[in-house]
Every structure is written in structure tokens, then in C-alpha cells.
Amino acid sequence: MPGLFRGPNLLALPMSLISEISPLPGELPNPADQDEVTVIPLKIEDWLTVIVMGLLALITFANVLVRYFTSQSFAWTEEFSVFLMIALALVAGSASVARNRQIRIEYFADNGPLARQRALARFGAIMVFLLFVLIAVLSSRMVYDDITYGETSPGIGVPQWWYTIWLPVMSVAIAGRALGLFIRRGRRA
């Protein structure tokens, strides 16, 4: 009956649009959509993302069940969930830098002469590298202070450096990915 189905009518779409929506069986994927070849595989960040998201889901679900049945919650879940969310942001940041999908002004980055596009891509990569090297150095000092002064976390009282140690580690990983991107963009020139 006409009027009951409000979704797009695939019969009315041009064939080129249909092929973009669903690839044909046996059709090769677009090479532009694939990841670039890197020395350190990008699967590391992908699997870390899956593991962290799974942990977040399990911890949150367990806390919901405990709250529902006992009217109390696990004290450690709040603190650990915040740590996992920060770790997730850093892992995702590393993956976005490695895949060159970080935020940029595409009007300038993707338009104009090819030499300018390459120069802007290399400039952006080296700035990300410098930023995360600086974050790694400064956060290393914070970890040193946490260890030296015996800081403990406010929620459950574990040593604070258990959480803060991961900021310099992940900052070095992001800086390494940015340096790799800078080198790859230089080879294309």
C-alpha cells in the first residue's frame, strides 16, 4: 500500500548510489578506506579499544546489578571507570593520529596544491608529536611526584601512580604514531 512505507525507495535510487550503500559480492574494498601500512600494527589500538570498552561495560553492568539487588554500589567502580574512559580516549587518540583522522580544518588541509597539502599534513603531524612529547615529559614529573610523596587515590586509596603512569606511556605512543605519520607523509613527497 502506498504511504505506509516511509523509508527510502531503493528502486528509485541511481545504481551508483546503491553500490555505495552496499558493495556487491566479490567487489574489492576501496583502497582509500584501508589503513596505511605502519611498522607497528594498528590492530594494537583496535584491540585495546575493544578490551577497554568491554571492561567498562562489564564493570558498569555489575555495578547496576549490585545497586539493584542490594541498594549499594561498588565503591571502586566509579574511580576505575573514570580511569578506563581516560585510557580509552588516549588509545583512540593514538589510533586517530596513526590513521591521520584527527581534527583539522579540511578547507585548508584538503584543498589547494598538492605540495601545500603535504606540507600542512607534515606540519600537523610534527605539532602533534611535539605536543605529546611535552605531555609525556610533564606527566612523567607528575608520576614521579605521586611515587615520591605516596599519593593515594581519593576513592579507594590505591597508589595514585597506578593511574597516572599511563598518561606518559600513552603520550609516548601517540607521539610515536605522529612521528610515523610525519615520516610517511615525507615519503610521499
Protein backbone atom coordinates (compact mmCIF):
# COMPACT_ATOMS: atom_id res chain seq x y z
CA MET A 1 0.00 0.00 0.00
CA PRO A 2 1.43 3.38 -0.88
CA GLY A 3 2.08 5.70 2.03
CA LEU A 4 2.74 3.00 4.63
CA PHE A 5 6.46 2.66 3.97
CA ARG A 6 8.25 5.94 4.64
CA GLY A 7 11.87 4.75 4.12
CA PRO A 8 13.97 5.33 1.00
CA ASN A 9 12.84 3.52 -2.11
CA LEU A 10 15.92 1.67 -3.37
CA LEU A 11 14.33 1.19 -6.78
CA ALA A 12 14.25 4.96 -7.29
CA LEU A 13 17.96 5.46 -6.45
CA PRO A 14 20.54 5.55 -9.23
CA MET A 15 22.68 2.42 -9.47
CA SER A 16 25.85 4.32 -8.45
CA LEU A 17 24.27 5.28 -5.13
CA ILE A 18 23.12 1.73 -4.47
CA SER A 19 26.64 0.41 -4.99
CA GLU A 20 27.91 2.96 -2.45
CA ILE A 21 25.33 1.82 0.10
CA SER A 22 26.12 -1.89 -0.16
CA PRO A 23 29.13 -3.27 -2.03
CA LEU A 24 28.46 -6.03 -4.49
CA PRO A 25 29.55 -9.56 -3.53
CA GLY A 26 33.13 -10.19 -4.61
CA GLU A 27 33.81 -6.49 -5.04
CA LEU A 28 37.15 -5.29 -3.72
CA PRO A 29 37.11 -2.65 -0.98
CA ASN A 30 38.17 0.87 -1.82
CA PRO A 31 41.93 1.18 -1.17
CA ALA A 32 41.41 4.71 0.22
CA ASP A 33 39.27 3.23 3.01
CA GLN A 34 42.00 0.83 4.12
CA ASP A 35 44.61 1.69 6.74
CA GLU A 36 48.09 2.68 5.67
CA VAL A 37 50.87 0.19 6.29
CA THR A 38 52.66 1.02 9.53
CA VAL A 39 55.68 -0.52 11.25
CA ILE A 40 53.66 -1.16 14.42
CA PRO A 41 50.29 -2.70 13.52
CA LEU A 42 47.16 -0.61 14.09
CA LYS A 43 45.42 -3.71 15.45
CA ILE A 44 47.06 -2.93 18.81
CA GLU A 45 44.90 0.17 19.28
CA ASP A 46 41.87 -1.61 17.87
CA TRP A 47 42.16 -4.49 20.35
CA LEU A 48 42.93 -2.17 23.27
CA THR A 49 39.77 -0.23 22.41
CA VAL A 50 37.72 -3.43 22.39
CA ILE A 51 39.21 -4.58 25.71
CA VAL A 52 38.68 -1.23 27.45
CA MET A 53 35.11 -0.90 26.15
CA GLY A 54 34.36 -4.46 27.29
CA LEU A 55 35.77 -3.77 30.75
CA LEU A 56 33.73 -0.58 31.00
CA ALA A 57 30.56 -2.42 30.02
CA LEU A 58 31.17 -5.29 32.45
CA ILE A 59 32.04 -3.03 35.38
CA THR A 60 29.06 -0.78 34.78
CA PHE A 61 26.69 -3.72 34.35
CA ALA A 62 27.97 -5.39 37.53
CA ASN A 63 27.53 -2.14 39.43
CA VAL A 64 23.97 -1.77 38.12
CA LEU A 65 23.11 -5.30 39.24
CA VAL A 66 24.63 -4.79 42.68
CA ARG A 67 22.78 -1.48 43.10
CA TYR A 68 19.51 -3.04 42.01
CA PHE A 69 19.68 -6.04 44.33
CA THR A 70 21.43 -4.50 47.36
CA SER A 71 20.75 -0.73 47.13
CA GLN A 72 24.51 -0.19 47.42
CA SER A 73 27.25 0.13 44.83
CA PHE A 74 30.83 -0.97 44.46
CA ALA A 75 32.98 1.97 45.57
CA TRP A 76 35.82 1.14 43.22
CA THR A 77 33.76 1.11 40.01
CA GLU A 78 33.39 4.90 39.78
CA GLU A 79 37.12 5.54 40.08
CA PHE A 80 38.13 2.70 37.80
CA SER A 81 35.52 3.66 35.17
CA VAL A 82 36.88 7.21 35.02
CA PHE A 83 40.39 5.82 34.57
CA LEU A 84 39.20 3.49 31.79
CA MET A 85 37.43 6.33 29.98
CA ILE A 86 40.62 8.41 30.03
CA ALA A 87 42.61 5.40 28.83
CA LEU A 88 40.06 4.88 26.06
CA ALA A 89 40.41 8.49 24.93
CA LEU A 90 44.20 8.14 24.79
CA VAL A 91 44.05 4.84 22.88
CA ALA A 92 41.54 6.32 20.43
CA GLY A 93 43.76 9.38 20.08
CA SER A 94 46.68 7.16 19.14
CA ALA A 95 44.56 5.35 16.55
CA SER A 96 43.28 8.60 15.05
CA VAL A 97 46.80 10.02 14.75
CA ALA A 98 48.10 6.82 13.14
CA ARG A 99 45.22 6.83 10.65
CA ASN A 100 45.52 10.60 10.03
CA ARG A 101 41.93 11.17 11.10
CA GLN A 102 42.46 13.79 13.77
CA ILE A 103 40.55 17.07 13.73
CA ARG A 104 41.67 19.59 11.13
CA ILE A 105 40.23 22.34 9.00
CA GLU A 106 39.57 20.40 5.83
CA TYR A 107 39.11 23.50 3.72
CA PHE A 108 42.83 24.21 4.12
CA ALA A 109 44.07 20.64 4.55
CA ASP A 110 42.37 19.10 1.51
CA ASN A 111 42.30 21.98 -0.98
CA GLY A 112 44.99 23.78 -2.93
CA PRO A 113 48.20 22.50 -4.46
CA LEU A 114 49.36 19.02 -3.52
CA ALA A 115 52.66 20.37 -2.17
CA ARG A 116 50.79 22.62 0.28
CA GLN A 117 48.55 19.74 1.38
CA ARG A 118 51.62 17.60 2.09
CA ALA A 119 53.34 20.45 3.92
CA LEU A 120 50.28 21.06 6.09
CA ALA A 121 49.93 17.33 6.82
CA ARG A 122 53.58 17.15 7.88
CA PHE A 123 53.28 20.35 9.93
CA GLY A 124 50.22 18.97 11.73
CA ALA A 125 51.95 15.65 12.42
CA ILE A 126 55.08 17.28 13.84
CA MET A 127 52.98 19.60 16.04
CA VAL A 128 51.07 16.61 17.44
CA PHE A 129 54.42 14.90 18.03
CA LEU A 130 55.81 17.89 19.92
CA LEU A 131 52.63 18.31 21.98
CA PHE A 132 52.58 14.72 23.15
CA VAL A 133 56.32 14.67 23.86
CA LEU A 134 55.72 17.70 26.09
CA ILE A 135 52.75 15.98 27.77
CA ALA A 136 54.89 12.86 28.31
CA VAL A 137 57.70 14.85 29.93
CA LEU A 138 55.40 16.87 32.18
CA SER A 139 53.24 13.92 33.18
CA SER A 140 56.36 11.90 33.99
CA ARG A 141 57.13 14.54 36.60
CA MET A 142 53.63 14.10 37.97
CA VAL A 143 54.15 10.32 38.23
CA TYR A 144 57.46 10.91 39.99
CA ASP A 145 55.73 13.20 42.50
CA ASP A 146 52.95 10.66 43.07
CA ILE A 147 55.52 7.96 43.84
CA THR A 148 57.76 10.23 45.92
CA TYR A 149 55.01 11.63 48.12
CA GLY A 150 52.94 8.44 48.34
CA GLU A 151 49.75 9.96 46.89
CA THR A 152 46.70 7.72 47.09
CA SER A 153 43.51 7.82 45.08
CA PRO A 154 40.57 9.54 46.77
CA GLY A 155 38.03 6.76 46.17
CA ILE A 156 39.65 3.51 47.15
CA GLY A 157 43.07 4.54 48.42
CA VAL A 158 45.33 2.75 45.94
CA PRO A 159 48.59 4.44 44.93
CA GLN A 160 47.79 7.29 42.54
CA TRP A 161 50.68 6.42 40.23
CA TRP A 162 48.79 3.26 39.21
CA TYR A 163 46.54 5.62 37.25
CA THR A 164 48.96 8.42 36.32
CA ILE A 165 51.67 6.15 34.89
CA TRP A 166 49.54 5.56 31.81
CA LEU A 167 49.48 9.21 30.71
CA PRO A 168 53.20 9.39 29.85
CA VAL A 169 53.12 5.88 28.39
CA MET A 170 50.20 6.66 26.08
CA SER A 171 51.60 10.11 25.28
CA VAL A 172 54.81 8.46 24.06
CA ALA A 173 52.70 6.05 21.97
CA ILE A 174 50.76 8.94 20.41
CA ALA A 175 53.99 10.87 19.79
CA GLY A 176 55.41 7.78 18.10
CA ARG A 177 52.34 7.45 15.90
CA ALA A 178 52.60 11.16 14.98
CA LEU A 179 56.28 10.76 14.12
CA GLY A 180 55.42 7.76 11.96
CA LEU A 181 52.76 9.80 10.18
CA PHE A 182 55.28 12.62 9.64
CA ILE A 183 57.75 10.16 8.09
CA ARG A 184 55.07 8.52 5.90
CA ARG A 185 53.92 11.91 4.63
CA GLY A 186 57.53 12.79 3.82
CA ARG A 187 57.99 9.63 1.75
CA ARG A 188 55.01 10.51 -0.41
CA ALA A 189 56.63 13.80 -1.44
